């Protein structure tokens, strides 16, 4: 399965907190149907949404830019119409 992402956007906060290469790895995972660190029911919902043009949301963890010992959780959301995909911190929502 491959998900169309549309325009790729990222919030300033996630760009400041997460190294770009880790963001891009997560975007690739999201596009290929690997929903990251979500519960089983959310994975099932995303699998359904990928086939039925509904909104997708995945979650990932990365090493913080400013402190590799600290992990940062971030989300990737693709709109139902596949016009845009946004990478953001939960606090940006």
PDB file of N, CA and C in Angstrom:
ATOM      1  N   UNK A   1       0.842  -1.175   0.000  1.00  0.00           N
ATOM      2  CA  UNK A   1       0.000   0.000   0.000  1.00  0.00           C
ATOM      3  C   UNK A   1       0.889   1.241   0.000  1.00  0.00           C
ATOM      4  N   UNK A   2       0.496   2.206  -0.801  1.00  0.00           N
ATOM      5  CA  UNK A   2       1.206   3.484  -0.854  1.00  0.00           C
ATOM      6  C   UNK A   2       0.167   4.587  -0.771  1.00  0.00           C
ATOM      7  N   UNK A   3       0.342   5.512   0.167  1.00  0.00           N
ATOM      8  CA  UNK A   3      -0.601   6.596   0.387  1.00  0.00           C
ATOM      9  C   UNK A   3      -0.097   7.858  -0.320  1.00  0.00           C
ATOM     10  N   UNK A   4      -0.983   8.511  -1.054  1.00  0.00           N
ATOM     11  CA  UNK A   4      -0.638   9.813  -1.636  1.00  0.00           C
ATOM     12  C   UNK A   4      -0.616  10.822  -0.500  1.00  0.00           C
ATOM     13  N   UNK A   5       0.407  11.637  -0.456  1.00  0.00           N
ATOM     14  CA  UNK A   5       0.588  12.575   0.645  1.00  0.00           C
ATOM     15  C   UNK A   5       0.140  13.992   0.314  1.00  0.00           C
ATOM     16  N   UNK A   6       0.062  14.346  -0.942  1.00  0.00           N
ATOM     17  CA  UNK A   6      -0.239  15.724  -1.300  1.00  0.00           C
ATOM     18  C   UNK A   6       0.924  16.630  -0.912  1.00  0.00           C
ATOM     19  N   UNK A   7       0.601  17.850  -0.583  1.00  0.00           N
ATOM     20  CA  UNK A   7       1.625  18.822  -0.172  1.00  0.00           C
ATOM     21  C   UNK A   7       2.146  18.459   1.211  1.00  0.00           C
ATOM     22  N   UNK A   8       3.452  18.397   1.369  1.00  0.00           N
ATOM     23  CA  UNK A   8       4.063  18.049   2.651  1.00  0.00           C
ATOM     24  C   UNK A   8       4.375  19.322   3.432  1.00  0.00           C
ATOM     25  N   UNK A   9       3.832  19.397   4.637  1.00  0.00           N
ATOM     26  CA  UNK A   9       4.005  20.561   5.513  1.00  0.00           C
ATOM     27  C   UNK A   9       4.564  20.104   6.849  1.00  0.00           C
ATOM     28  N   UNK A  10       5.250  21.013   7.535  1.00  0.00           N
ATOM     29  CA  UNK A  10       5.753  20.737   8.885  1.00  0.00           C
ATOM     30  C   UNK A  10       5.672  22.022   9.695  1.00  0.00           C
ATOM     31  N   UNK A  11       5.303  21.879  10.955  1.00  0.00           N
ATOM     32  CA  UNK A  11       5.222  23.056  11.815  1.00  0.00           C
ATOM     33  C   UNK A  11       6.625  23.495  12.229  1.00  0.00           C
ATOM     34  N   UNK A  12       6.783  24.774  12.542  1.00  0.00           N
ATOM     35  CA  UNK A  12       8.088  25.246  13.014  1.00  0.00           C
ATOM     36  C   UNK A  12       8.571  24.486  14.254  1.00  0.00           C
ATOM     37  N   UNK A  13       7.650  24.143  15.139  1.00  0.00           N
ATOM     38  CA  UNK A  13       8.037  23.451  16.376  1.00  0.00           C
ATOM     39  C   UNK A  13       8.635  22.079  16.100  1.00  0.00           C
ATOM     40  N   UNK A  14       8.048  21.312  15.187  1.00  0.00           N
ATOM     41  CA  UNK A  14       8.597  19.983  14.899  1.00  0.00           C
ATOM     42  C   UNK A  14       9.934  20.101  14.177  1.00  0.00           C
ATOM     43  N   UNK A  15      10.077  21.108  13.317  1.00  0.00           N
ATOM     44  CA  UNK A  15      11.354  21.307  12.629  1.00  0.00           C
ATOM     45  C   UNK A  15      12.461  21.689  13.607  1.00  0.00           C
ATOM     46  N   UNK A  16      12.097  22.375  14.665  1.00  0.00           N
ATOM     47  CA  UNK A  16      13.069  22.759  15.688  1.00  0.00           C
ATOM     48  C   UNK A  16      13.429  21.593  16.604  1.00  0.00           C
ATOM     49  N   UNK A  17      12.479  20.694  16.827  1.00  0.00           N
ATOM     50  CA  UNK A  17      12.666  19.626  17.815  1.00  0.00           C
ATOM     51  C   UNK A  17      13.224  18.325  17.248  1.00  0.00           C
ATOM     52  N   UNK A  18      12.925  18.018  15.989  1.00  0.00           N
ATOM     53  CA  UNK A  18      13.243  16.704  15.420  1.00  0.00           C
ATOM     54  C   UNK A  18      14.177  16.872  14.216  1.00  0.00           C
ATOM     55  N   UNK A  19      15.255  16.102  14.167  1.00  0.00           N
ATOM     56  CA  UNK A  19      16.153  16.173  13.001  1.00  0.00           C
ATOM     57  C   UNK A  19      15.408  15.849  11.697  1.00  0.00           C
ATOM     58  N   UNK A  20      15.733  16.590  10.657  1.00  0.00           N
ATOM     59  CA  UNK A  20      15.036  16.440   9.381  1.00  0.00           C
ATOM     60  C   UNK A  20      15.083  15.009   8.850  1.00  0.00           C
ATOM     61  N   UNK A  21      16.215  14.342   9.004  1.00  0.00           N
ATOM     62  CA  UNK A  21      16.304  12.975   8.464  1.00  0.00           C
ATOM     63  C   UNK A  21      15.342  12.030   9.183  1.00  0.00           C
ATOM     64  N   UNK A  22      15.095  12.260  10.470  1.00  0.00           N
ATOM     65  CA  UNK A  22      14.143  11.416  11.197  1.00  0.00           C
ATOM     66  C   UNK A  22      12.708  11.740  10.786  1.00  0.00           C
ATOM     67  N   UNK A  23      12.443  13.007  10.486  1.00  0.00           N
ATOM     68  CA  UNK A  23      11.122  13.379   9.970  1.00  0.00           C
ATOM     69  C   UNK A  23      10.886  12.682   8.633  1.00  0.00           C
ATOM     70  N   UNK A  24      11.862  12.733   7.743  1.00  0.00           N
ATOM     71  CA  UNK A  24      11.688  12.146   6.413  1.00  0.00           C
ATOM     72  C   UNK A  24      11.550  10.625   6.474  1.00  0.00           C
ATOM     73  N   UNK A  25      12.275   9.982   7.392  1.00  0.00           N
ATOM     74  CA  UNK A  25      12.110   8.532   7.575  1.00  0.00           C
ATOM     75  C   UNK A  25      10.685   8.214   8.012  1.00  0.00           C
ATOM     76  N   UNK A  26      10.152   9.006   8.923  1.00  0.00           N
ATOM     77  CA  UNK A  26       8.789   8.787   9.401  1.00  0.00           C
ATOM     78  C   UNK A  26       7.767   9.061   8.292  1.00  0.00           C
ATOM     79  N   UNK A  27       7.998  10.080   7.487  1.00  0.00           N
ATOM     80  CA  UNK A  27       7.096  10.365   6.372  1.00  0.00           C
ATOM     81  C   UNK A  27       7.071   9.188   5.413  1.00  0.00           C
ATOM     82  N   UNK A  28       8.217   8.614   5.136  1.00  0.00           N
ATOM     83  CA  UNK A  28       8.282   7.444   4.252  1.00  0.00           C
ATOM     84  C   UNK A  28       7.524   6.269   4.865  1.00  0.00           C
ATOM     85  N   UNK A  29       7.693   6.053   6.160  1.00  0.00           N
ATOM     86  CA  UNK A  29       6.954   4.977   6.849  1.00  0.00           C
ATOM     87  C   UNK A  29       5.451   5.216   6.733  1.00  0.00           C
ATOM     88  N   UNK A  30       5.026   6.437   6.997  1.00  0.00           N
ATOM     89  CA  UNK A  30       3.611   6.806   6.928  1.00  0.00           C
ATOM     90  C   UNK A  30       3.063   6.539   5.525  1.00  0.00           C
ATOM     91  N   UNK A  31       3.788   6.978   4.509  1.00  0.00           N
ATOM     92  CA  UNK A  31       3.343   6.806   3.123  1.00  0.00           C
ATOM     93  C   UNK A  31       3.239   5.343   2.725  1.00  0.00           C
ATOM     94  N   UNK A  32       4.028   4.493   3.370  1.00  0.00           N
ATOM     95  CA  UNK A  32       4.008   3.068   3.021  1.00  0.00           C
ATOM     96  C   UNK A  32       3.049   2.258   3.898  1.00  0.00           C
ATOM     97  N   UNK A  33       2.310   2.934   4.794  1.00  0.00           N
ATOM     98  CA  UNK A  33       1.321   2.226   5.604  1.00  0.00           C
ATOM     99  C   UNK A  33       1.827   1.730   6.940  1.00  0.00           C
ATOM    100  N   UNK A  34       2.990   2.179   7.358  1.00  0.00           N
ATOM    101  CA  UNK A  34       3.510   1.869   8.700  1.00  0.00           C
ATOM    102  C   UNK A  34       3.112   3.042   9.585  1.00  0.00           C
ATOM    103  N   UNK A  35       2.132   2.837  10.437  1.00  0.00           N
ATOM    104  CA  UNK A  35       1.528   3.923  11.209  1.00  0.00           C
ATOM    105  C   UNK A  35       2.275   4.237  12.488  1.00  0.00           C
ATOM    106  N   UNK A  36       3.401   3.610  12.715  1.00  0.00           N
ATOM    107  CA  UNK A  36       4.241   3.952  13.859  1.00  0.00           C
ATOM    108  C   UNK A  36       3.683   3.481  15.180  1.00  0.00           C
ATOM    109  N   UNK A  37       3.727   4.365  16.166  1.00  0.00           N
ATOM    110  CA  UNK A  37       3.395   4.022  17.549  1.00  0.00           C
ATOM    111  C   UNK A  37       1.948   4.358  17.890  1.00  0.00           C
ATOM    112  N   UNK A  38       1.013   3.725  17.179  1.00  0.00           N
ATOM    113  CA  UNK A  38      -0.401   3.889  17.493  1.00  0.00           C
ATOM    114  C   UNK A  38      -0.956   2.539  17.945  1.00  0.00           C
ATOM    115  N   UNK A  39      -2.073   2.578  18.659  1.00  0.00           N
ATOM    116  CA  UNK A  39      -2.673   1.342  19.167  1.00  0.00           C
ATOM    117  C   UNK A  39      -3.283   0.534  18.019  1.00  0.00           C
ATOM    118  N   UNK A  40      -3.617  -0.695  18.309  1.00  0.00           N
ATOM    119  CA  UNK A  40      -4.154  -1.604  17.298  1.00  0.00           C
ATOM    120  C   UNK A  40      -5.411  -1.094  16.625  1.00  0.00           C
ATOM    121  N   UNK A  41      -6.316  -0.495  17.395  1.00  0.00           N
ATOM    122  CA  UNK A  41      -7.551  -0.002  16.781  1.00  0.00           C
ATOM    123  C   UNK A  41      -7.264   1.181  15.849  1.00  0.00           C
ATOM    124  N   UNK A  42      -6.285   2.027  16.206  1.00  0.00           N
ATOM    125  CA  UNK A  42      -5.912   3.138  15.320  1.00  0.00           C
ATOM    126  C   UNK A  42      -5.239   2.625  14.054  1.00  0.00           C
ATOM    127  N   UNK A  43      -4.453   1.558  14.173  1.00  0.00           N
ATOM    128  CA  UNK A  43      -3.850   0.956  12.971  1.00  0.00           C
ATOM    129  C   UNK A  43      -4.935   0.441  12.046  1.00  0.00           C
ATOM    130  N   UNK A  44      -5.923  -0.237  12.628  1.00  0.00           N
ATOM    131  CA  UNK A  44      -7.039  -0.734  11.819  1.00  0.00           C
ATOM    132  C   UNK A  44      -7.813   0.389  11.159  1.00  0.00           C
ATOM    133  N   UNK A  45      -8.044   1.462  11.894  1.00  0.00           N
ATOM    134  CA  UNK A  45      -8.755   2.628  11.355  1.00  0.00           C
ATOM    135  C   UNK A  45      -7.953   3.242  10.207  1.00  0.00           C
ATOM    136  N   UNK A  46      -6.627   3.347  10.382  1.00  0.00           N
ATOM    137  CA  UNK A  46      -5.791   3.901   9.314  1.00  0.00           C
ATOM    138  C   UNK A  46      -5.783   2.999   8.089  1.00  0.00           C
ATOM    139  N   UNK A  47      -5.725   1.693   8.295  1.00  0.00           N
ATOM    140  CA  UNK A  47      -5.750   0.773   7.154  1.00  0.00           C
ATOM    141  C   UNK A  47      -7.045   0.947   6.363  1.00  0.00           C
ATOM    142  N   UNK A  48      -8.160   1.087   7.079  1.00  0.00           N
ATOM    143  CA  UNK A  48      -9.443   1.325   6.424  1.00  0.00           C
ATOM    144  C   UNK A  48      -9.417   2.679   5.714  1.00  0.00           C
ATOM    145  N   UNK A  49      -8.931   3.715   6.405  1.00  0.00           N
ATOM    146  CA  UNK A  49      -8.909   5.075   5.865  1.00  0.00           C
ATOM    147  C   UNK A  49      -8.043   5.174   4.611  1.00  0.00           C
ATOM    148  N   UNK A  50      -6.968   4.420   4.565  1.00  0.00           N
ATOM    149  CA  UNK A  50      -6.073   4.461   3.400  1.00  0.00           C
ATOM    150  C   UNK A  50      -6.785   3.978   2.141  1.00  0.00           C
ATOM    151  N   UNK A  51      -7.727   3.067   2.305  1.00  0.00           N
ATOM    152  CA  UNK A  51      -8.461   2.520   1.158  1.00  0.00           C
ATOM    153  C   UNK A  51      -9.744   3.289   0.860  1.00  0.00           C
ATOM    154  N   UNK A  52     -10.191   4.098   1.815  1.00  0.00           N
ATOM    155  CA  UNK A  52     -11.487   4.754   1.695  1.00  0.00           C
ATOM    156  C   UNK A  52     -11.411   6.278   1.745  1.00  0.00           C
ATOM    157  N   UNK A  53     -10.274   6.814   1.445  1.00  0.00           N
ATOM    158  CA  UNK A  53     -10.075   8.261   1.398  1.00  0.00           C
ATOM    159  C   UNK A  53     -10.600   8.970   2.643  1.00  0.00           C
ATOM    160  N   UNK A  54     -10.116   8.535   3.780  1.00  0.00           N
ATOM    161  CA  UNK A  54     -10.412   9.190   5.050  1.00  0.00           C
ATOM    162  C   UNK A  54      -9.090   9.685   5.641  1.00  0.00           C
ATOM    163  N   UNK A  55      -9.196  10.474   6.677  1.00  0.00           N
ATOM    164  CA  UNK A  55      -8.019  11.081   7.313  1.00  0.00           C
ATOM    165  C   UNK A  55      -7.138  10.015   7.955  1.00  0.00           C
ATOM    166  N   UNK A  56      -5.820  10.187   7.831  1.00  0.00           N
ATOM    167  CA  UNK A  56      -4.838   9.271   8.405  1.00  0.00           C
ATOM    168  C   UNK A  56      -4.026   9.994   9.467  1.00  0.00           C
ATOM    169  N   UNK A  57      -3.738   9.306  10.562  1.00  0.00           N
ATOM    170  CA  UNK A  57      -2.862   9.893  11.582  1.00  0.00           C
ATOM    171  C   UNK A  57      -1.941   8.813  12.115  1.00  0.00           C
ATOM    172  N   UNK A  58      -0.652   9.092  12.062  1.00  0.00           N
ATOM    173  CA  UNK A  58       0.341   8.179  12.618  1.00  0.00           C
ATOM    174  C   UNK A  58       1.158   8.914  13.666  1.00  0.00           C
ATOM    175  N   UNK A  59       1.885   8.150  14.476  1.00  0.00           N
ATOM    176  CA  UNK A  59       2.693   8.732  15.558  1.00  0.00           C
ATOM    177  C   UNK A  59       4.058   8.064  15.569  1.00  0.00           C
ATOM    178  N   UNK A  60       5.078   8.861  15.818  1.00  0.00           N
ATOM    179  CA  UNK A  60       6.453   8.367  15.825  1.00  0.00           C
ATOM    180  C   UNK A  60       7.227   9.017  16.960  1.00  0.00           C
ATOM    181  N   UNK A  61       8.338   8.410  17.296  1.00  0.00           N
ATOM    182  CA  UNK A  61       9.257   8.976  18.290  1.00  0.00           C
ATOM    183  C   UNK A  61      10.617   9.139  17.630  1.00  0.00           C
ATOM    184  N   UNK A  62      11.297  10.221  17.980  1.00  0.00           N
ATOM    185  CA  UNK A  62      12.629  10.490  17.438  1.00  0.00           C
ATOM    186  C   UNK A  62      13.512  11.056  18.537  1.00  0.00           C
ATOM    187  N   UNK A  63      14.787  10.985  18.320  1.00  0.00           N
ATOM    188  CA  UNK A  63      15.725  11.613  19.256  1.00  0.00           C
ATOM    189  C   UNK A  63      15.658  13.129  19.058  1.00  0.00           C
ATOM    190  N   UNK A  64      15.588  13.843  20.156  1.00  0.00           N
ATOM    191  CA  UNK A  64      15.486  15.299  20.098  1.00  0.00           C
ATOM    192  C   UNK A  64      16.742  15.905  19.482  1.00  0.00           C
ATOM    193  N   UNK A  65      16.570  16.961  18.715  1.00  0.00           N
ATOM    194  CA  UNK A  65      17.706  17.656  18.098  1.00  0.00           C
ATOM    195  C   UNK A  65      18.673  18.181  19.147  1.00  0.00           C
ATOM    196  N   UNK A  66      18.132  18.748  20.215  1.00  0.00           N
ATOM    197  CA  UNK A  66      18.971  19.400  21.217  1.00  0.00           C
ATOM    198  C   UNK A  66      19.496  18.464  22.298  1.00  0.00           C
ATOM    199  N   UNK A  67      18.957  17.219  22.357  1.00  0.00           N
ATOM    200  CA  UNK A  67      19.377  16.270  23.392  1.00  0.00           C
ATOM    201  C   UNK A  67      19.081  14.853  22.917  1.00  0.00           C
ATOM    202  N   UNK A  68      20.060  14.173  22.323  1.00  0.00           N
ATOM    203  CA  UNK A  68      19.836  12.827  21.782  1.00  0.00           C
ATOM    204  C   UNK A  68      19.381  11.792  22.815  1.00  0.00           C
ATOM    205  N   UNK A  69      19.496  12.125  24.087  1.00  0.00           N
ATOM    206  CA  UNK A  69      19.032  11.216  25.135  1.00  0.00           C
ATOM    207  C   UNK A  69      17.515  11.328  25.333  1.00  0.00           C
ATOM    208  N   UNK A  70      16.927  12.385  24.831  1.00  0.00           N
ATOM    209  CA  UNK A  70      15.492  12.642  25.015  1.00  0.00           C
ATOM    210  C   UNK A  70      14.736  12.294  23.741  1.00  0.00           C
ATOM    211  N   UNK A  71      13.569  11.660  23.914  1.00  0.00           N
ATOM    212  CA  UNK A  71      12.734  11.350  22.770  1.00  0.00           C
ATOM    213  C   UNK A  71      11.617  12.374  22.621  1.00  0.00           C
ATOM    214  N   UNK A  72      11.268  12.624  21.380  1.00  0.00           N
ATOM    215  CA  UNK A  72      10.191  13.544  21.050  1.00  0.00           C
ATOM    216  C   UNK A  72       9.139  12.765  20.275  1.00  0.00           C
ATOM    217  N   UNK A  73       7.896  12.878  20.712  1.00  0.00           N
ATOM    218  CA  UNK A  73       6.794  12.263  19.975  1.00  0.00           C
ATOM    219  C   UNK A  73       6.277  13.279  18.962  1.00  0.00           C
ATOM    220  N   UNK A  74       6.000  12.807  17.750  1.00  0.00           N
ATOM    221  CA  UNK A  74       5.400  13.680  16.752  1.00  0.00           C
ATOM    222  C   UNK A  74       4.402  12.902  15.917  1.00  0.00           C
ATOM    223  N   UNK A  75       3.497  13.639  15.308  1.00  0.00           N
ATOM    224  CA  UNK A  75       2.429  13.053  14.514  1.00  0.00           C
ATOM    225  C   UNK A  75       2.599  13.415  13.049  1.00  0.00           C
ATOM    226  N   UNK A  76       2.008  12.567  12.212  1.00  0.00           N
ATOM    227  CA  UNK A  76       1.872  12.872  10.794  1.00  0.00           C
ATOM    228  C   UNK A  76       0.398  12.663  10.446  1.00  0.00           C
ATOM    229  N   UNK A  77      -0.204  13.688   9.872  1.00  0.00           N
ATOM    230  CA  UNK A  77      -1.628  13.643   9.527  1.00  0.00           C
ATOM    231  C   UNK A  77      -1.785  13.916   8.035  1.00  0.00           C
ATOM    232  N   UNK A  78      -2.469  13.004   7.345  1.00  0.00           N
ATOM    233  CA  UNK A  78      -2.806  13.197   5.940  1.00  0.00           C
ATOM    234  C   UNK A  78      -4.303  13.454   5.843  1.00  0.00           C
ATOM    235  N   UNK A  79      -4.656  14.526   5.153  1.00  0.00           N
ATOM    236  CA  UNK A  79      -6.059  14.898   4.998  1.00  0.00           C
ATOM    237  C   UNK A  79      -6.807  13.866   4.162  1.00  0.00           C
ATOM    238  N   UNK A  80      -8.095  13.777   4.384  1.00  0.00           N
ATOM    239  CA  UNK A  80      -8.928  12.784   3.707  1.00  0.00           C
ATOM    240  C   UNK A  80      -8.861  12.903   2.187  1.00  0.00           C
ATOM    241  N   UNK A  81      -8.784  14.126   1.685  1.00  0.00           N
ATOM    242  CA  UNK A  81      -8.730  14.317   0.232  1.00  0.00           C
ATOM    243  C   UNK A  81      -7.316  14.166  -0.338  1.00  0.00           C
ATOM    244  N   UNK A  82      -6.364  13.855   0.539  1.00  0.00           N
ATOM    245  CA  UNK A  82      -4.954  13.639   0.168  1.00  0.00           C
ATOM    246  C   UNK A  82      -4.299  14.887  -0.409  1.00  0.00           C
ATOM    247  N   UNK A  83      -4.834  16.057  -0.076  1.00  0.00           N
ATOM    248  CA  UNK A  83      -4.262  17.312  -0.574  1.00  0.00           C
ATOM    249  C   UNK A  83      -3.025  17.729   0.196  1.00  0.00           C
ATOM    250  N   UNK A  84      -2.916  17.281   1.456  1.00  0.00           N
ATOM    251  CA  UNK A  84      -1.786  17.710   2.284  1.00  0.00           C
ATOM    252  C   UNK A  84      -1.517  16.706   3.388  1.00  0.00           C
ATOM    253  N   UNK A  85      -0.251  16.659   3.777  1.00  0.00           N
ATOM    254  CA  UNK A  85       0.204  15.872   4.917  1.00  0.00           C
ATOM    255  C   UNK A  85       1.016  16.799   5.791  1.00  0.00           C
ATOM    256  N   UNK A  86       0.687  16.814   7.081  1.00  0.00           N
ATOM    257  CA  UNK A  86       1.355  17.718   8.012  1.00  0.00           C
ATOM    258  C   UNK A  86       2.090  16.931   9.083  1.00  0.00           C
ATOM    259  N   UNK A  87       3.330  17.325   9.344  1.00  0.00           N
ATOM    260  CA  UNK A  87       4.137  16.757  10.422  1.00  0.00           C
ATOM    261  C   UNK A  87       4.097  17.782  11.556  1.00  0.00           C
ATOM    262  N   UNK A  88       3.755  17.337  12.759  1.00  0.00           N
ATOM    263  CA  UNK A  88       3.592  18.278  13.871  1.00  0.00           C
ATOM    264  C   UNK A  88       3.826  17.607  15.199  1.00  0.00           C
ATOM    265  N   UNK A  89       4.059  18.417  16.217  1.00  0.00           N
ATOM    266  CA  UNK A  89       4.110  17.932  17.598  1.00  0.00           C
ATOM    267  C   UNK A  89       2.676  17.878  18.117  1.00  0.00           C
ATOM    268  N   UNK A  90       2.386  16.978  19.052  1.00  0.00           N
ATOM    269  CA  UNK A  90       1.041  16.953  19.630  1.00  0.00           C
ATOM    270  C   UNK A  90       0.624  18.322  20.184  1.00  0.00           C
ATOM    271  N   UNK A  91       1.565  19.078  20.715  1.00  0.00           N
ATOM    272  CA  UNK A  91       1.237  20.397  21.269  1.00  0.00           C
ATOM    273  C   UNK A  91       0.875  21.408  20.187  1.00  0.00           C
ATOM    274  N   UNK A  92       1.165  21.112  18.918  1.00  0.00           N
ATOM    275  CA  UNK A  92       0.804  21.988  17.808  1.00  0.00           C
ATOM    276  C   UNK A  92      -0.660  21.812  17.392  1.00  0.00           C
ATOM    277  N   UNK A  93      -1.273  20.734  17.832  1.00  0.00           N
ATOM    278  CA  UNK A  93      -2.622  20.372  17.352  1.00  0.00           C
ATOM    279  C   UNK A  93      -3.696  21.295  17.869  1.00  0.00           C
TER     280      UNK A  93
END
